[in-house]
Amino acid sequence: MNRVILHSDMNSFYASVEMMLNPSLKDTVMAVGGSTEKRNGIILAKSEKAKKMGVKTGMALWEARQCCPDIVIVHPQYEQYIKYSKLAREIYERYTDRVEPFGSDESWLDVTQSTKLYGSGEQIAERIRQEVKSELGLTVSIGVSFNKIFAKLGSDMKKPDAITVITRENFKEKVWGLPVEDLLFVGRATKSKLNRCGITTIGDLARFPDYLLKSKLGKNGLMIHAYANGKDISPVVPVGFESQIKSIGHGITCISDLENNTEVCNVIQELSQSIGQKLRKHGLAARGVQIYIRDKNLYGSQWQTQMLYSSQCSLDISRTAKELFMRSYRWTDNVRSVTVRAINLIPAYIPVQLSLFNDIEQREKMLKIERSIDEIRRRFGYDAVTYASLIGNFKMPDHRNFDLPMPAFLGR
C-alpha cells in the first residue's frame, strides 16, 4: 500500500499570527524582526506584501528598510507563536496520531490509514486547510505525496493557502526540473559541490551515478541521490516521539562584545546552568564538553575535551568549558557569541570509575543542590535563583527557553 504523506507549512507564520492578532497590520507592509539594540536585528518573518517588495527572512533590519522605507517592524511574541503552533497540531491530530513537527510552523502527517475514513490525501489536506483558516485565522500550504521529502517540496511549490499533489507517476515531471538546493538537506556547501559536478537540478542529481556521489559526498551523497529518485522511506514518527539525544547545548549572541576571560566565563556559567538542568531532566550524563566561540568579525572556532568522569552537574560542565576556553582562545578579537554543548552522553545510572582525587560525597551534595534549584525554578520561574556572580548586567540577552522539535529521519 502506498503511503500518503502530508507536509503542512503555515504561511509566513510569525507575520500571519501578528496580523491575525492585530488586524490593522493587514493594510501595511510588515515584518517581524528582532531588536537592533540586542544584536538580533534581523527579519524573522515577513508578510506577502513585504516579500513582493524584496524583503527576505534573515535580512538585517536596515536592509529591509532600504527595500521598503515604510515597512512596519513588530517585535516577536514567541508565546503566541508556540500557542498557535500547538493549536494547529491539535487540528492535524484529528486525522492521525502520526504528526511530526519540523520547527514551529511545519509538520509532516502520515494519513495512510486515515484515507479509509476521510477520503484521499488531497481531500484530507483540503479539510485541514479549511479548518486552520476558519478556526485559527491562519493559512497553510500543504504538499501531498508518497514520502516526506516530496511532500515538503510540494508545500513549497504553491504559496500561500494552496495544495500540491506529487505522485509516483508525476514526480519526475514536477520535481526534477527544480533547483537542486530545493531538496531537503542540500545546503549551501552541498549545492556548491554538486554544482562543480555539473548538477544544478534535482533531475541532474537523480541521474548522476551514485558511486561518484559517494566518492564526493560520502553517505550523504547516497542519501540525497535516493531522495531525488523518490526513495525516501523515513517514517513520520508518532505524536510524543522523542529521538535519542546525542548532545545538549545552549548558545547565545551577547548584547555587546565580551572583552575578557571573566565576561566569557560568566556567560559560560549561565549557559551551563541550562545544560545541566536538561541533562538531569532527561536522565543523562556528559562525558565531554564542546564550546563554539564566534568573534566580533563572525569568525568561529570550536574545541572539545573529555571530562575526567561523566556528570550531569552544571558546575562540572561550566568548570570544564571555562578551562577549555582559557587554554584555547587567543584574544586577538573580542567575543560576540558563545555556545556550550554537553557531548558523548550516557544514561546517568551507568556507574563511573571512582578516583582517589575526586570527592564523591561533595559531588553528590552539589548534585542535590542543583536538583533543588531545578525545583525552585520549576515553581517560581527560571530567574528565581541564580549565582551571585551572575546578578546584574553581564551582556546576556533575555532568556528564551523555547524548545522546537526537529525531524527524526530514522532512515538516514
Protein backbone atom coordinates (compact mmCIF):
# COMPACT_ATOMS: atom_id res chain seq x y z
CA MET A 1 0.00 0.00 0.00
CA ASN A 2 1.38 3.40 -1.00
CA ARG A 3 1.96 5.76 1.88
CA VAL A 4 0.05 9.05 1.93
CA ILE A 5 2.16 11.78 3.50
CA LEU A 6 1.22 15.42 4.00
CA HIS A 7 3.53 18.31 4.81
CA SER A 8 1.72 21.33 6.21
CA ASP A 9 3.53 24.67 6.23
CA MET A 10 1.91 27.63 7.99
CA ASN A 11 2.34 30.58 5.63
CA SER A 12 4.52 33.48 6.87
CA PHE A 13 3.80 32.08 10.31
CA TYR A 14 5.07 34.77 12.69
CA ALA A 15 3.83 37.59 10.48
CA SER A 16 0.44 35.91 9.95
CA VAL A 17 -0.07 35.47 13.69
CA GLU A 18 0.75 39.15 14.27
CA MET A 19 -1.71 40.27 11.59
CA MET A 20 -4.39 37.99 12.97
CA LEU A 21 -3.90 39.40 16.47
CA ASN A 22 -3.73 42.98 15.17
CA PRO A 23 -5.87 43.31 12.00
CA SER A 24 -4.66 46.89 11.41
CA LEU A 25 -1.35 45.40 10.27
CA LYS A 26 -3.02 43.72 7.29
CA ASP A 27 -3.06 47.01 5.38
CA THR A 28 0.65 47.61 5.91
CA VAL A 29 3.90 46.20 4.59
CA MET A 30 5.05 44.48 7.77
CA ALA A 31 7.60 42.06 9.13
CA VAL A 32 8.55 40.51 12.45
CA GLY A 33 12.06 41.49 13.48
CA GLY A 34 14.44 41.28 16.38
CA SER A 35 15.97 44.12 18.35
CA THR A 36 18.82 46.15 16.91
CA GLU A 37 19.96 47.02 20.44
CA LYS A 38 20.17 43.34 21.44
CA ARG A 39 22.21 42.33 18.39
CA ASN A 40 19.49 40.22 16.80
CA GLY A 41 18.12 42.87 14.46
CA ILE A 42 17.10 40.69 11.54
CA ILE A 43 13.86 39.85 9.74
CA LEU A 44 12.34 36.73 11.30
CA ALA A 45 9.24 36.62 9.08
CA LYS A 46 7.64 38.89 6.51
CA SER A 47 4.15 39.38 5.09
CA GLU A 48 3.38 38.61 1.45
CA LYS A 49 3.38 42.34 0.71
CA ALA A 50 6.85 42.70 2.20
CA LYS A 51 8.04 39.66 0.25
CA LYS A 52 6.92 41.28 -3.00
CA MET A 53 8.96 44.36 -2.05
CA GLY A 54 12.11 42.23 -1.83
CA VAL A 55 12.24 41.73 1.94
CA LYS A 56 13.74 38.37 2.87
CA THR A 57 13.93 36.32 6.06
CA GLY A 58 17.34 36.75 7.69
CA MET A 59 17.85 40.20 6.18
CA ALA A 60 19.16 42.89 8.52
CA LEU A 61 16.55 45.47 9.52
CA TRP A 62 18.44 48.28 7.79
CA GLU A 63 18.49 46.25 4.56
CA ALA A 64 14.74 45.66 4.83
CA ARG A 65 14.16 49.40 5.22
CA GLN A 66 16.21 50.01 2.08
CA CYS A 67 13.84 47.69 0.19
CA CYS A 68 10.80 49.30 1.77
CA PRO A 69 11.23 52.54 3.77
CA ASP A 70 7.65 52.31 5.09
CA ILE A 71 7.92 48.77 6.41
CA VAL A 72 6.39 48.21 9.85
CA ILE A 73 8.59 46.09 12.13
CA VAL A 74 6.90 44.37 15.07
CA HIS A 75 8.75 42.59 17.84
CA PRO A 76 8.18 38.82 18.13
CA GLN A 77 5.69 37.35 20.59
CA TYR A 78 7.09 33.84 20.94
CA GLU A 79 4.50 32.69 23.43
CA GLN A 80 1.77 33.40 20.85
CA TYR A 81 3.62 31.52 18.10
CA ILE A 82 4.02 28.49 20.34
CA LYS A 83 0.33 28.68 21.25
CA TYR A 84 -0.85 28.71 17.62
CA SER A 85 1.67 26.06 16.63
CA LYS A 86 0.14 23.74 19.24
CA LEU A 87 -3.41 24.61 18.13
CA ALA A 88 -2.52 23.74 14.53
CA ARG A 89 -1.08 20.40 15.61
CA GLU A 90 -4.30 19.67 17.51
CA ILE A 91 -6.15 20.05 14.20
CA TYR A 92 -3.69 17.70 12.47
CA GLU A 93 -4.17 15.13 15.23
CA ARG A 94 -7.86 14.86 14.39
CA TYR A 95 -6.77 12.92 11.32
CA THR A 96 -3.77 10.90 12.51
CA ASP A 97 -1.59 10.21 15.52
CA ARG A 98 1.47 10.33 13.28
CA VAL A 99 2.27 14.05 13.35
CA GLU A 100 5.95 15.00 13.26
CA PRO A 101 6.80 18.69 13.82
CA PHE A 102 9.58 20.32 11.80
CA GLY A 103 10.16 23.53 13.72
CA SER A 104 7.21 25.56 14.96
CA ASP A 105 5.36 26.13 11.68
CA GLU A 106 5.74 22.89 9.73
CA SER A 107 4.62 19.30 10.32
CA TRP A 108 4.51 16.01 8.47
CA LEU A 109 1.40 13.84 8.74
CA ASP A 110 1.09 10.19 7.76
CA VAL A 111 -2.58 9.83 6.82
CA THR A 112 -2.28 6.47 5.05
CA GLN A 113 -4.78 4.76 7.34
CA SER A 114 -6.98 7.85 7.60
CA THR A 115 -7.88 7.69 3.91
CA LYS A 116 -10.31 4.90 4.76
CA LEU A 117 -12.33 7.40 6.83
CA TYR A 118 -11.74 10.78 5.23
CA GLY A 119 -11.01 10.17 1.57
CA SER A 120 -7.83 10.79 -0.45
CA GLY A 121 -4.76 12.61 0.77
CA GLU A 122 -5.79 15.65 -1.22
CA GLN A 123 -9.25 15.61 0.37
CA ILE A 124 -7.75 15.39 3.87
CA ALA A 125 -5.38 18.24 3.03
CA GLU A 126 -8.31 20.36 1.91
CA ARG A 127 -10.19 19.70 5.15
CA ILE A 128 -7.13 20.69 7.19
CA ARG A 129 -6.57 23.81 5.10
CA GLN A 130 -10.15 24.97 5.67
CA GLU A 131 -10.17 24.14 9.40
CA VAL A 132 -6.92 26.01 10.08
CA LYS A 133 -8.28 29.03 8.26
CA SER A 134 -11.71 29.06 9.91
CA GLU A 135 -10.60 28.16 13.45
CA LEU A 136 -7.23 29.93 13.73
CA GLY A 137 -7.47 32.67 11.11
CA LEU A 138 -4.22 31.42 9.52
CA THR A 139 -3.41 29.79 6.20
CA VAL A 140 -1.34 26.72 5.33
CA SER A 141 0.21 25.33 2.19
CA ILE A 142 0.13 21.54 2.06
CA GLY A 143 2.11 19.08 -0.03
CA VAL A 144 0.63 15.63 -0.62
CA SER A 145 2.94 12.81 -1.71
CA PHE A 146 4.14 9.26 -1.09
CA ASN A 147 7.15 10.28 1.03
CA LYS A 148 8.27 13.06 3.38
CA ILE A 149 10.81 14.67 1.05
CA PHE A 150 8.40 15.19 -1.84
CA ALA A 151 5.57 16.23 0.50
CA LYS A 152 7.78 19.06 1.75
CA LEU A 153 8.71 20.03 -1.78
CA GLY A 154 5.01 20.15 -2.61
CA SER A 155 4.18 22.52 0.25
CA ASP A 156 6.85 24.91 -1.07
CA MET A 157 5.61 24.90 -4.67
CA LYS A 158 2.43 26.94 -4.24
CA LYS A 159 2.04 29.60 -1.56
CA PRO A 160 0.03 30.86 0.20
CA ASP A 161 -3.06 28.83 1.02
CA ALA A 162 -2.62 26.05 -1.53
CA ILE A 163 -2.35 22.29 -2.01
CA THR A 164 0.10 20.50 -4.33
CA VAL A 165 0.00 16.78 -5.09
CA ILE A 166 3.12 14.87 -6.16
CA THR A 167 2.60 11.23 -7.13
CA ARG A 168 4.82 8.35 -8.21
CA GLU A 169 3.55 8.94 -11.73
CA ASN A 170 4.21 12.69 -11.98
CA PHE A 171 7.18 13.36 -9.66
CA LYS A 172 9.77 13.39 -12.44
CA GLU A 173 7.76 16.00 -14.31
CA LYS A 174 7.06 18.12 -11.21
CA VAL A 175 10.27 17.72 -9.23
CA TRP A 176 13.23 17.02 -11.48
CA GLY A 177 13.26 20.48 -13.04
CA LEU A 178 13.60 22.26 -9.68
CA PRO A 179 16.95 23.67 -8.49
CA VAL A 180 18.93 21.07 -6.58
CA GLU A 181 19.05 23.30 -3.48
CA ASP A 182 15.25 22.96 -3.18
CA LEU A 183 15.79 19.39 -1.97
CA LEU A 184 15.80 18.99 1.80
CA PHE A 185 19.33 18.57 3.23
CA VAL A 186 21.02 20.17 0.23
CA GLY A 187 22.55 23.21 1.91
CA ARG A 188 24.88 25.88 0.57
CA ALA A 189 28.07 23.81 0.85
CA THR A 190 26.48 20.71 -0.70
CA LYS A 191 24.97 22.80 -3.51
CA SER A 192 28.40 24.21 -4.30
CA LYS A 193 29.95 20.72 -4.51
CA LEU A 194 27.09 19.46 -6.68
CA ASN A 195 27.31 22.46 -9.00
CA ARG A 196 31.00 21.77 -9.54
CA CYS A 197 29.95 18.33 -10.79
CA GLY A 198 27.51 19.91 -13.24
CA ILE A 199 24.49 19.10 -11.06
CA THR A 200 22.12 22.08 -10.97
CA THR A 201 18.67 20.46 -10.82
CA ILE A 202 17.10 17.66 -8.82
CA GLY A 203 16.86 15.68 -12.06
CA ASP A 204 20.60 16.06 -12.63
CA LEU A 205 21.16 14.69 -9.14
CA ALA A 206 18.78 11.76 -9.70
CA ARG A 207 20.55 10.73 -12.92
CA PHE A 208 24.11 11.19 -11.63
CA PRO A 209 25.96 7.91 -10.88
CA ASP A 210 25.54 7.13 -7.21
CA TYR A 211 29.07 5.72 -6.80
CA LEU A 212 30.52 9.06 -7.93
CA LEU A 213 28.30 10.92 -5.47
CA LYS A 214 29.52 8.66 -2.68
CA SER A 215 33.14 9.38 -3.58
CA LYS A 216 32.50 13.14 -3.36
CA LEU A 217 29.92 13.41 -0.55
CA GLY A 218 30.13 10.12 1.31
CA LYS A 219 26.94 8.54 2.63
CA ASN A 220 25.13 11.90 2.38
CA GLY A 221 25.63 11.73 -1.38
CA LEU A 222 23.83 8.39 -1.49
CA MET A 223 21.09 9.75 0.77
CA ILE A 224 20.21 12.78 -1.36
CA HIS A 225 20.53 10.68 -4.54
CA ALA A 226 17.86 8.35 -3.13
CA TYR A 227 15.69 11.31 -2.17
CA ALA A 228 15.90 12.77 -5.69
CA ASN A 229 14.72 9.41 -7.07
CA GLY A 230 11.71 9.26 -4.74
CA LYS A 231 13.19 6.57 -2.50
CA ASP A 232 12.83 8.28 0.89
CA ILE A 233 11.42 5.69 3.30
CA SER A 234 11.84 7.60 6.58
CA PRO A 235 8.72 7.29 8.73
CA VAL A 236 6.53 10.02 10.17
CA VAL A 237 7.00 9.40 13.87
CA PRO A 238 4.07 9.24 16.31
CA VAL A 239 2.94 12.15 18.45
CA GLY A 240 5.16 12.44 21.52
CA PHE A 241 8.09 10.59 19.97
CA GLU A 242 11.49 11.67 21.29
CA SER A 243 14.59 10.68 19.33
CA GLN A 244 17.75 9.62 21.10
CA ILE A 245 19.55 12.69 22.40
CA LYS A 246 23.19 12.76 21.32
CA SER A 247 24.15 16.14 22.77
CA ILE A 248 22.63 19.02 24.72
CA GLY A 249 23.76 22.57 24.14
CA HIS A 250 22.90 26.22 24.57
CA GLY A 251 24.31 29.22 22.75
CA ILE A 252 23.74 32.95 22.80
CA THR A 253 24.73 36.11 20.96
CA CYS A 254 25.58 38.73 23.54
CA ILE A 255 24.19 42.26 23.72
CA SER A 256 27.70 43.67 23.30
CA ASP A 257 31.11 42.13 22.71
CA LEU A 258 32.78 40.23 25.55
CA GLU A 259 36.17 41.76 26.27
CA ASN A 260 37.93 39.44 28.72
CA ASN A 261 38.00 35.96 30.28
CA THR A 262 35.77 36.97 33.18
CA GLU A 263 32.95 38.11 30.92
CA VAL A 264 33.15 34.98 28.77
CA CYS A 265 33.27 32.73 31.84
CA ASN A 266 30.15 34.39 33.25
CA VAL A 267 28.29 33.60 30.04
CA ILE A 268 29.61 30.01 30.08
CA GLN A 269 28.38 29.61 33.65
CA GLU A 270 24.93 30.90 32.74
CA LEU A 271 24.66 28.60 29.70
CA SER A 272 25.89 25.62 31.72
CA GLN A 273 23.02 26.02 34.19
CA SER A 274 20.52 25.35 31.40
CA ILE A 275 22.55 22.42 30.07
CA GLY A 276 22.82 20.76 33.49
CA GLN A 277 19.09 21.18 34.04
CA LYS A 278 18.31 19.46 30.72
CA LEU A 279 20.75 16.63 31.44
CA ARG A 280 19.01 15.94 34.75
CA LYS A 281 15.57 16.20 33.13
CA HIS A 282 16.47 13.53 30.57
CA GLY A 283 18.42 11.32 32.99
CA LEU A 284 21.68 11.76 31.07
CA ALA A 285 25.29 12.49 31.96
CA ALA A 286 28.01 14.04 29.78
CA ARG A 287 31.44 12.57 29.23
CA GLY A 288 32.69 15.56 27.27
CA VAL A 289 32.21 19.28 26.67
CA GLN A 290 32.36 21.26 23.45
CA ILE A 291 32.49 25.05 23.03
CA TYR A 292 31.99 27.22 19.97
CA ILE A 293 33.26 30.80 20.09
CA ARG A 294 32.48 33.42 17.44
CA ASP A 295 34.40 36.68 17.49
CA LYS A 296 33.24 40.17 16.52
CA ASN A 297 34.28 39.52 12.91
CA LEU A 298 31.93 36.48 12.84
CA TYR A 299 34.86 34.05 12.64
CA GLY A 300 34.09 30.91 14.63
CA SER A 301 36.29 28.35 16.36
CA GLN A 302 35.30 25.10 18.06
CA TRP A 303 37.07 22.98 20.68
CA GLN A 304 36.10 19.96 22.73
CA THR A 305 37.54 17.87 25.56
CA GLN A 306 36.73 14.79 27.58
CA MET A 307 35.80 15.11 31.27
CA LEU A 308 37.56 13.15 33.99
CA TYR A 309 34.25 11.48 34.81
CA SER A 310 30.70 11.59 33.44
CA SER A 311 28.50 14.21 35.09
CA GLN A 312 25.12 15.91 34.91
CA CYS A 313 26.21 18.70 37.24
CA SER A 314 26.13 22.26 35.87
CA LEU A 315 29.26 23.21 37.80
CA ASP A 316 31.25 20.37 36.24
CA ILE A 317 30.10 21.39 32.75
CA SER A 318 30.89 25.04 33.49
CA ARG A 319 34.30 24.33 35.00
CA THR A 320 35.38 22.15 32.09
CA ALA A 321 34.12 24.65 29.49
CA LYS A 322 35.88 27.56 31.19
CA GLU A 323 39.20 25.69 31.34
CA LEU A 324 38.82 24.68 27.70
CA PHE A 325 38.15 28.28 26.67
CA MET A 326 41.04 29.79 28.61
CA ARG A 327 43.62 27.39 27.21
CA SER A 328 42.27 27.51 23.64
CA TYR A 329 41.14 31.05 22.78
CA ARG A 330 43.67 33.67 21.70
CA TRP A 331 42.48 37.19 22.42
CA THR A 332 43.05 38.78 19.03
CA ASP A 333 39.40 39.92 18.87
CA ASN A 334 36.54 40.35 21.31
CA VAL A 335 33.88 37.64 21.52
CA ARG A 336 30.39 38.05 20.02
CA SER A 337 28.70 34.72 20.79
CA VAL A 338 29.30 31.66 22.95
CA THR A 339 27.90 28.13 22.68
CA VAL A 340 28.44 25.35 25.22
CA ARG A 341 27.48 21.75 24.49
CA ALA A 342 27.48 18.59 26.60
CA ILE A 343 28.60 15.70 24.38
CA ASN A 344 29.17 11.93 24.49
CA LEU A 345 26.05 11.45 26.57
CA ILE A 346 25.28 8.28 28.52
CA PRO A 347 22.44 7.28 30.88
CA ALA A 348 23.10 8.82 34.28
CA TYR A 349 22.58 5.50 36.07
CA ILE A 350 25.68 3.91 34.48
CA PRO A 351 28.36 3.52 37.19
CA VAL A 352 31.50 5.64 36.94
CA GLN A 353 35.05 4.72 37.89
CA LEU A 354 35.90 6.46 41.15
CA SER A 355 39.19 8.27 41.68
CA LEU A 356 41.22 8.96 44.80
CA PHE A 357 41.45 12.57 43.66
CA ASN A 358 37.70 13.22 43.43
CA ASP A 359 35.47 13.94 46.40
CA ILE A 360 32.45 11.81 45.54
CA GLU A 361 30.46 12.98 48.59
CA GLN A 362 30.96 16.62 47.64
CA ARG A 363 29.81 15.87 44.08
CA GLU A 364 26.66 14.20 45.37
CA LYS A 365 25.91 17.19 47.63
CA MET A 366 26.36 19.57 44.71
CA LEU A 367 24.02 17.48 42.55
CA LYS A 368 21.35 17.54 45.28
CA ILE A 369 21.65 21.33 45.47
CA GLU A 370 21.24 21.65 41.70
CA ARG A 371 18.17 19.40 41.75
CA SER A 372 16.68 21.62 44.45
CA ILE A 373 17.41 24.64 42.25
CA ASP A 374 15.59 22.88 39.36
CA GLU A 375 12.51 22.51 41.55
CA ILE A 376 12.61 26.15 42.69
CA ARG A 377 12.83 27.30 39.09
CA ARG A 378 10.02 24.99 38.06
CA ARG A 379 7.75 26.50 40.69
CA PHE A 380 8.80 30.16 40.67
CA GLY A 381 10.50 30.78 37.32
CA TYR A 382 14.00 30.47 35.91
CA ASP A 383 15.24 33.72 37.43
CA ALA A 384 14.06 32.86 40.97
CA VAL A 385 17.55 31.69 41.93
CA THR A 386 21.00 32.18 40.40
CA TYR A 387 24.66 32.60 41.29
CA ALA A 388 25.66 35.89 42.89
CA SER A 389 28.35 36.37 40.25
CA LEU A 390 25.67 36.41 37.55
CA ILE A 391 23.46 39.07 39.11
CA GLY A 392 23.37 42.29 37.14
CA ASN A 393 24.08 43.16 33.55
CA PHE A 394 26.71 40.83 32.13
CA LYS A 395 25.80 41.28 28.47
CA MET A 396 23.36 38.37 28.21
CA PRO A 397 20.04 38.96 26.42
CA ASP A 398 16.74 37.94 27.96
CA HIS A 399 16.10 34.21 28.35
CA ARG A 400 14.17 32.48 25.60
CA ASN A 401 13.82 28.86 26.54
CA PHE A 402 11.64 27.63 23.70
CA ASP A 403 12.29 24.05 22.56
CA LEU A 404 11.42 23.49 18.92
CA PRO A 405 11.23 19.85 17.78
CA MET A 406 13.25 18.85 14.73
CA PRO A 407 12.66 15.96 12.31
CA ALA A 408 13.52 12.35 13.07
CA PHE A 409 14.88 10.93 9.83
CA LEU A 410 15.31 7.41 11.11
CA GLY A 411 16.20 6.11 7.68
CA ARG A 412 19.33 8.24 7.36
